[in-house]
């Protein structure tokens, strides 16, 4: 397989809803433009942050196709969306997503075996599933935390890489040693790893991690873009920024993705913070204040970084 998925920052997009609980495609288009204007390298259009477990298959397909259409020619788009337990239903879901024209189809590691099943069962199920998916579409893996987190072993990841069909893993281990072991296992295979964790990101970049694909790219993607593009040339600034991003990421422990939607309201992108996966009415005044404080801190912090980014004149990895 000759295809590649670019290095850099890949936001796990959140889905805007109208007050009647339908997908708000006007807000979604504004969000796509906002991500791209902030320099992201690609978009993860259908994932847990997108509330895919609370979207119908028709909605998931339309969402992926819309993002791909609006981002076409500017950044690549990847999507997941197989949420069912039954194998036959997953085959239907994955083929429907593949037909949207996305640049890569992402398989969720916890959908390939039950929590109490072994890696051998997982591998057998994946081998079977690969025969049902178009051979010409690039594939990725995602260690989605819901409904349970299934981390892939270095050995299984190496096996996936050796099939020639998988180009990347979205790692959610939040563990330097685990990521290092995975990176060593797939070295030279063409499969790259994207870290979802802010605290470990800079250290894994020093080890050769390919990019960032996490929650916080819904808050300040431009800062992650700056870090990815400048960490080796500006190590002191990168260390300082990494400290800020790590502490800022603690807001993930709030009511996510409600808080990300509120942040995007402050940016003028979303019109509300309605969710299907969480009760947005539980988002308190104090929660809103905390997001507003993060917003102000981000804007203050971004000023010198933005100047450096402009001086770099559109680096492309």
Protein backbone atom coordinates (compact mmCIF):
# COMPACT_ATOMS: atom_id res chain seq x y z
CA UNK A 1 0.00 0.00 0.00
CA UNK A 2 1.52 3.30 -1.11
CA UNK A 3 -0.88 5.62 0.68
CA UNK A 4 0.24 7.68 3.65
CA UNK A 5 -1.51 9.55 6.43
CA UNK A 6 0.23 12.84 7.11
CA UNK A 7 2.03 13.64 10.33
CA UNK A 8 0.76 16.35 12.64
CA UNK A 9 -2.43 17.31 14.47
CA UNK A 10 -5.69 15.44 13.89
CA UNK A 11 -8.61 16.73 16.01
CA UNK A 12 -11.20 14.24 17.19
CA UNK A 13 -14.11 16.36 16.00
CA UNK A 14 -17.14 17.09 18.15
CA UNK A 15 -20.59 17.10 16.57
CA UNK A 16 -22.84 20.16 16.88
CA UNK A 17 -26.58 19.63 17.36
CA UNK A 18 -29.53 21.93 16.86
CA UNK A 19 -31.96 22.66 19.69
CA UNK A 20 -34.14 19.89 18.21
CA UNK A 21 -31.23 17.43 18.59
CA UNK A 22 -30.38 17.09 14.89
CA UNK A 23 -26.87 17.49 13.49
CA UNK A 24 -26.24 21.18 12.85
CA UNK A 25 -24.45 21.18 9.51
CA UNK A 26 -24.10 24.96 9.41
CA UNK A 27 -22.15 24.91 12.67
CA UNK A 28 -20.24 21.86 11.46
CA UNK A 29 -19.09 23.72 8.36
CA UNK A 30 -17.91 26.62 10.49
CA UNK A 31 -16.02 24.15 12.67
CA UNK A 32 -14.28 22.59 9.66
CA UNK A 33 -13.11 26.02 8.57
CA UNK A 34 -11.94 26.83 12.12
CA UNK A 35 -9.89 23.66 12.39
CA UNK A 36 -8.28 24.23 9.01
CA UNK A 37 -7.57 27.91 9.70
CA UNK A 38 -5.82 26.79 12.88
CA UNK A 39 -3.44 24.68 10.83
CA UNK A 40 -4.53 21.10 11.53
CA UNK A 41 -3.14 18.37 9.31
CA UNK A 42 -6.26 16.22 9.10
CA UNK A 43 -9.69 15.63 10.63
CA UNK A 44 -11.01 12.60 12.53
CA UNK A 45 -14.65 13.12 11.62
CA UNK A 46 -16.49 10.22 13.27
CA UNK A 47 -15.15 8.99 16.61
CA UNK A 48 -16.11 8.91 20.28
CA UNK A 49 -15.79 12.70 20.57
CA UNK A 50 -18.27 12.91 17.70
CA UNK A 51 -20.74 10.91 19.83
CA UNK A 52 -20.76 8.16 17.23
CA UNK A 53 -22.33 5.67 19.66
CA UNK A 54 -25.33 7.99 19.80
CA UNK A 55 -25.68 8.55 16.05
CA UNK A 56 -27.60 6.36 13.62
CA UNK A 57 -25.67 4.73 10.79
CA UNK A 58 -27.33 7.17 8.38
CA UNK A 59 -26.12 10.08 10.51
CA UNK A 60 -22.58 8.69 10.79
CA UNK A 61 -22.34 8.21 7.04
CA UNK A 62 -23.74 11.67 6.27
CA UNK A 63 -21.42 13.26 8.84
CA UNK A 64 -18.31 11.64 7.35
CA UNK A 65 -19.33 12.48 3.80
CA UNK A 66 -20.05 16.10 4.71
CA UNK A 67 -16.70 16.64 6.40
CA UNK A 68 -14.89 14.99 3.50
CA UNK A 69 -16.72 17.16 0.97
CA UNK A 70 -16.06 20.44 2.79
CA UNK A 71 -12.41 19.64 3.56
CA UNK A 72 -11.61 18.17 0.14
CA UNK A 73 -8.33 19.34 -1.36
CA UNK A 74 -7.21 20.95 1.89
CA UNK A 75 -6.84 18.28 4.58
CA UNK A 76 -7.52 14.54 4.59
CA UNK A 77 -10.42 13.08 6.55
CA UNK A 78 -10.63 9.81 8.46
CA UNK A 79 -13.63 8.24 10.18
CA UNK A 80 -14.68 5.23 12.20
CA UNK A 81 -18.26 4.39 12.99
CA UNK A 82 -18.59 0.63 13.54
CA UNK A 83 -20.32 0.60 16.91
CA UNK A 84 -22.37 -2.59 16.81
CA UNK A 85 -21.71 -5.81 18.68
CA UNK A 86 -22.82 -8.14 15.88
CA UNK A 87 -20.16 -8.91 13.27
CA UNK A 88 -22.63 -8.68 10.39
CA UNK A 89 -23.74 -5.22 11.47
CA UNK A 90 -20.14 -4.05 11.72
CA UNK A 91 -19.48 -5.21 8.17
CA UNK A 92 -22.44 -3.13 7.00
CA UNK A 93 -21.31 -0.09 8.99
CA UNK A 94 -17.70 -0.21 7.81
CA UNK A 95 -18.57 -0.63 4.15
CA UNK A 96 -21.04 2.23 4.35
CA UNK A 97 -18.35 4.45 5.86
CA UNK A 98 -15.77 3.34 3.30
CA UNK A 99 -18.13 4.39 0.52
CA UNK A 100 -18.19 8.02 1.72
CA UNK A 101 -14.82 8.77 0.10
CA UNK A 102 -12.90 9.25 3.36
CA UNK A 103 -9.13 8.95 3.19
CA UNK A 104 -8.89 6.19 5.78
CA UNK A 105 -11.28 3.89 7.61
CA UNK A 106 -10.61 3.48 11.33
CA UNK A 107 -11.29 0.21 13.15
CA UNK A 108 -12.08 0.37 16.87
CA UNK A 109 -10.00 -2.10 18.85
CA UNK A 110 -12.75 -2.87 21.39
CA UNK A 111 -15.20 -3.86 18.66
CA UNK A 112 -13.00 -6.75 17.49
CA UNK A 113 -13.36 -8.85 20.65
CA UNK A 114 -15.23 -8.81 23.93
CA UNK A 115 -13.44 -7.60 27.03
CA UNK A 116 -13.02 -11.15 28.33
CA UNK A 117 -11.72 -12.54 25.02
CA UNK A 118 -8.07 -13.13 24.17
CA UNK A 119 -5.80 -11.48 21.62
CA UNK A 120 -6.06 -14.63 19.52
CA UNK A 121 -9.82 -14.15 19.26
CA UNK A 122 -9.22 -10.50 18.38
CA UNK A 123 -6.77 -11.44 15.62
CA UNK A 124 -9.08 -14.11 14.20
CA UNK A 125 -11.99 -11.67 14.09
CA UNK A 126 -9.85 -9.02 12.41
CA UNK A 127 -8.59 -11.46 9.76
CA UNK A 128 -12.18 -12.32 8.95
CA UNK A 129 -13.23 -8.68 8.87
CA UNK A 130 -10.40 -7.65 6.54
CA UNK A 131 -11.90 -9.90 3.87
CA UNK A 132 -15.10 -7.87 4.02
CA UNK A 133 -13.56 -4.40 3.64
CA UNK A 134 -12.49 -2.94 0.28
CA UNK A 135 -8.78 -3.60 -0.22
CA UNK A 136 -8.12 -0.17 -1.72
CA UNK A 137 -9.01 1.86 1.37
CA UNK A 138 -6.36 2.77 3.93
CA UNK A 139 -7.03 1.49 7.44
CA UNK A 140 -6.24 2.64 10.95
CA UNK A 141 -6.80 1.48 14.52
CA UNK A 142 -8.30 3.42 17.41
CA UNK A 143 -8.06 2.42 21.07
CA UNK A 144 -11.45 3.93 21.85
CA UNK A 145 -12.13 4.11 25.63
CA UNK A 146 -15.86 3.33 25.25
CA UNK A 147 -17.50 0.93 25.99
CA UNK A 148 -14.20 -0.43 27.29
CA UNK A 149 -10.58 0.38 26.48
CA UNK A 150 -8.70 -2.36 24.64
CA UNK A 151 -5.04 -1.47 24.21
CA UNK A 152 -3.35 -3.30 21.37
CA UNK A 153 -0.14 -5.14 22.19
CA UNK A 154 3.10 -4.39 20.31
CA UNK A 155 2.97 -7.89 18.86
CA UNK A 156 -0.55 -7.52 17.51
CA UNK A 157 0.25 -4.06 16.19
CA UNK A 158 3.24 -5.49 14.34
CA UNK A 159 1.00 -8.17 12.84
CA UNK A 160 -1.44 -5.49 11.67
CA UNK A 161 1.39 -3.46 10.16
CA UNK A 162 2.70 -6.50 8.30
CA UNK A 163 -0.63 -6.96 6.52
CA UNK A 164 0.24 -3.80 4.59
CA UNK A 165 -3.25 -2.42 5.12
CA UNK A 166 -2.88 -0.40 8.33
CA UNK A 167 -1.25 3.02 8.30
CA UNK A 168 -1.76 4.33 11.82
CA UNK A 169 -2.82 3.78 15.41
CA UNK A 170 -4.54 6.34 17.64
CA UNK A 171 -2.95 5.39 20.96
CA UNK A 172 -4.86 6.08 24.17
CA UNK A 173 -2.56 4.26 26.60
CA UNK A 174 -1.26 7.57 28.08
CA UNK A 175 1.89 5.59 28.88
CA UNK A 176 5.38 6.40 27.56
CA UNK A 177 6.72 2.88 27.91
CA UNK A 178 3.76 1.31 26.14
CA UNK A 179 3.99 3.77 23.25
CA UNK A 180 7.73 3.27 22.96
CA UNK A 181 7.26 -0.50 22.74
CA UNK A 182 4.64 -0.11 20.03
CA UNK A 183 6.82 2.30 18.06
CA UNK A 184 9.74 -0.11 18.20
CA UNK A 185 7.50 -2.98 17.08
CA UNK A 186 6.35 -1.20 13.91
CA UNK A 187 9.55 0.64 13.04
CA UNK A 188 10.08 0.64 9.28
CA UNK A 189 6.66 -0.87 8.51
CA UNK A 190 4.85 2.29 7.39
CA UNK A 191 2.41 2.21 10.31
CA UNK A 192 2.57 5.40 12.38
CA UNK A 193 1.34 6.17 15.87
CA UNK A 194 -0.64 9.23 16.98
CA UNK A 195 -0.71 10.10 20.67
CA UNK A 196 -4.03 11.15 22.23
CA UNK A 197 -2.48 12.32 25.51
CA UNK A 198 -1.23 15.87 26.12
CA UNK A 199 1.02 15.19 29.12
CA UNK A 200 3.16 12.61 27.30
CA UNK A 201 3.04 14.22 23.86
CA UNK A 202 6.33 16.10 23.81
CA UNK A 203 8.31 13.18 25.21
CA UNK A 204 6.81 10.81 22.64
CA UNK A 205 7.59 13.29 19.87
CA UNK A 206 11.22 13.08 20.94
CA UNK A 207 10.91 9.31 20.54
CA UNK A 208 9.51 9.70 17.03
CA UNK A 209 5.74 9.72 17.50
CA UNK A 210 4.00 10.85 14.31
CA UNK A 211 1.35 13.19 15.63
CA UNK A 212 -1.38 14.19 18.06
CA UNK A 213 -5.00 13.12 17.80
CA UNK A 214 -6.78 14.05 20.97
CA UNK A 215 -9.59 15.85 22.73
CA UNK A 216 -7.71 19.08 23.33
CA UNK A 217 -7.39 19.87 19.63
CA UNK A 218 -11.03 20.92 19.98
CA UNK A 219 -9.91 23.73 22.31
CA UNK A 220 -6.61 25.12 21.01
CA UNK A 221 -5.45 23.20 17.93
CA UNK A 222 -3.09 25.99 16.90
CA UNK A 223 -0.95 25.43 20.00
CA UNK A 224 -0.59 21.73 19.20
CA UNK A 225 0.27 22.61 15.62
CA UNK A 226 2.98 24.97 16.84
CA UNK A 227 4.37 22.31 19.18
CA UNK A 228 4.44 19.64 16.48
CA UNK A 229 6.21 21.93 14.02
CA UNK A 230 8.67 23.70 16.29
CA UNK A 231 9.61 21.46 19.23
CA UNK A 232 12.99 20.39 17.86
CA UNK A 233 14.13 23.88 16.79
CA UNK A 234 12.75 25.73 19.82
CA UNK A 235 13.12 23.29 22.73
CA UNK A 236 12.74 25.81 25.57
CA UNK A 237 9.55 27.29 24.15
CA UNK A 238 8.30 23.77 23.45
CA UNK A 239 8.89 22.69 27.05
CA UNK A 240 7.00 25.73 28.34
CA UNK A 241 4.13 25.16 25.95
CA UNK A 242 4.01 21.46 26.80
CA UNK A 243 3.62 22.34 30.48
CA UNK A 244 0.72 24.62 29.67
CA UNK A 245 -0.98 22.06 27.39
CA UNK A 246 -0.61 19.32 29.97
CA UNK A 247 -2.26 21.33 32.74
CA UNK A 248 -4.90 22.73 30.38
CA UNK A 249 -5.84 19.19 29.38
CA UNK A 250 -7.11 18.52 32.90
CA UNK A 251 -10.32 20.16 31.71
CA UNK A 252 -11.00 16.87 29.92
CA UNK A 253 -12.16 15.62 33.33
CA UNK A 254 -15.07 18.03 33.14
CA UNK A 255 -18.27 17.12 31.29
CA UNK A 256 -16.77 16.35 27.86
CA UNK A 257 -17.73 16.92 25.04
CA UNK A 258 -20.13 19.51 26.48
CA UNK A 259 -17.19 21.67 27.58
CA UNK A 260 -15.54 21.50 24.14
CA UNK A 261 -18.79 22.64 22.58
CA UNK A 262 -18.99 25.53 25.00
CA UNK A 263 -15.43 26.50 24.10
CA UNK A 264 -16.43 26.47 20.44
CA UNK A 265 -19.37 28.71 21.36
CA UNK A 266 -16.85 31.19 22.77
CA UNK A 267 -15.04 30.98 19.43
CA UNK A 268 -18.31 31.84 17.65
CA UNK A 269 -18.46 28.42 15.95
CA UNK A 270 -21.25 26.57 17.79
CA UNK A 271 -24.57 28.07 18.90
CA UNK A 272 -25.17 25.72 21.86
CA UNK A 273 -23.56 22.87 23.76
CA UNK A 274 -26.30 20.27 23.36
CA UNK A 275 -25.15 16.67 23.48
CA UNK A 276 -26.60 13.22 23.12
CA UNK A 277 -23.91 11.37 25.04
CA UNK A 278 -24.00 13.62 28.12
CA UNK A 279 -26.68 15.70 29.82
CA UNK A 280 -25.70 19.25 28.97
CA UNK A 281 -27.98 20.52 31.76
CA UNK A 282 -25.39 19.18 34.22
CA UNK A 283 -22.84 21.66 32.87
CA UNK A 284 -22.71 24.13 35.74
CA UNK A 285 -21.99 27.83 35.93
CA UNK A 286 -18.64 26.97 37.51
CA UNK A 287 -17.88 24.62 34.63
CA UNK A 288 -18.60 27.41 32.19
CA UNK A 289 -16.38 29.79 34.16
CA UNK A 290 -13.52 27.28 34.04
CA UNK A 291 -13.84 26.97 30.26
CA UNK A 292 -13.97 30.76 29.94
CA UNK A 293 -10.79 31.02 31.99
CA UNK A 294 -9.08 28.44 29.77
CA UNK A 295 -10.26 30.39 26.73
CA UNK A 296 -8.70 33.61 28.04
CA UNK A 297 -5.47 31.86 29.00
CA UNK A 298 -5.27 30.25 25.57
CA UNK A 299 -5.71 33.56 23.80
CA UNK A 300 -3.03 35.16 25.96
CA UNK A 301 -0.67 32.24 25.45
CA UNK A 302 -1.29 31.99 21.71
CA UNK A 303 -0.05 35.50 20.93
CA UNK A 304 3.71 34.75 20.84
CA UNK A 305 3.14 31.28 19.39
CA UNK A 306 0.97 32.69 16.61
CA UNK A 307 3.70 35.17 15.73
CA UNK A 308 6.23 32.39 15.43
CA UNK A 309 3.82 30.30 13.38
CA UNK A 310 3.26 33.16 10.94
CA UNK A 311 7.01 33.64 10.67
CA UNK A 312 7.33 29.97 9.75
CA UNK A 313 5.17 30.80 6.74
CA UNK A 314 2.99 27.75 6.48
CA UNK A 315 5.18 24.77 7.25
CA UNK A 316 3.77 21.57 5.76
CA UNK A 317 4.75 18.17 7.08
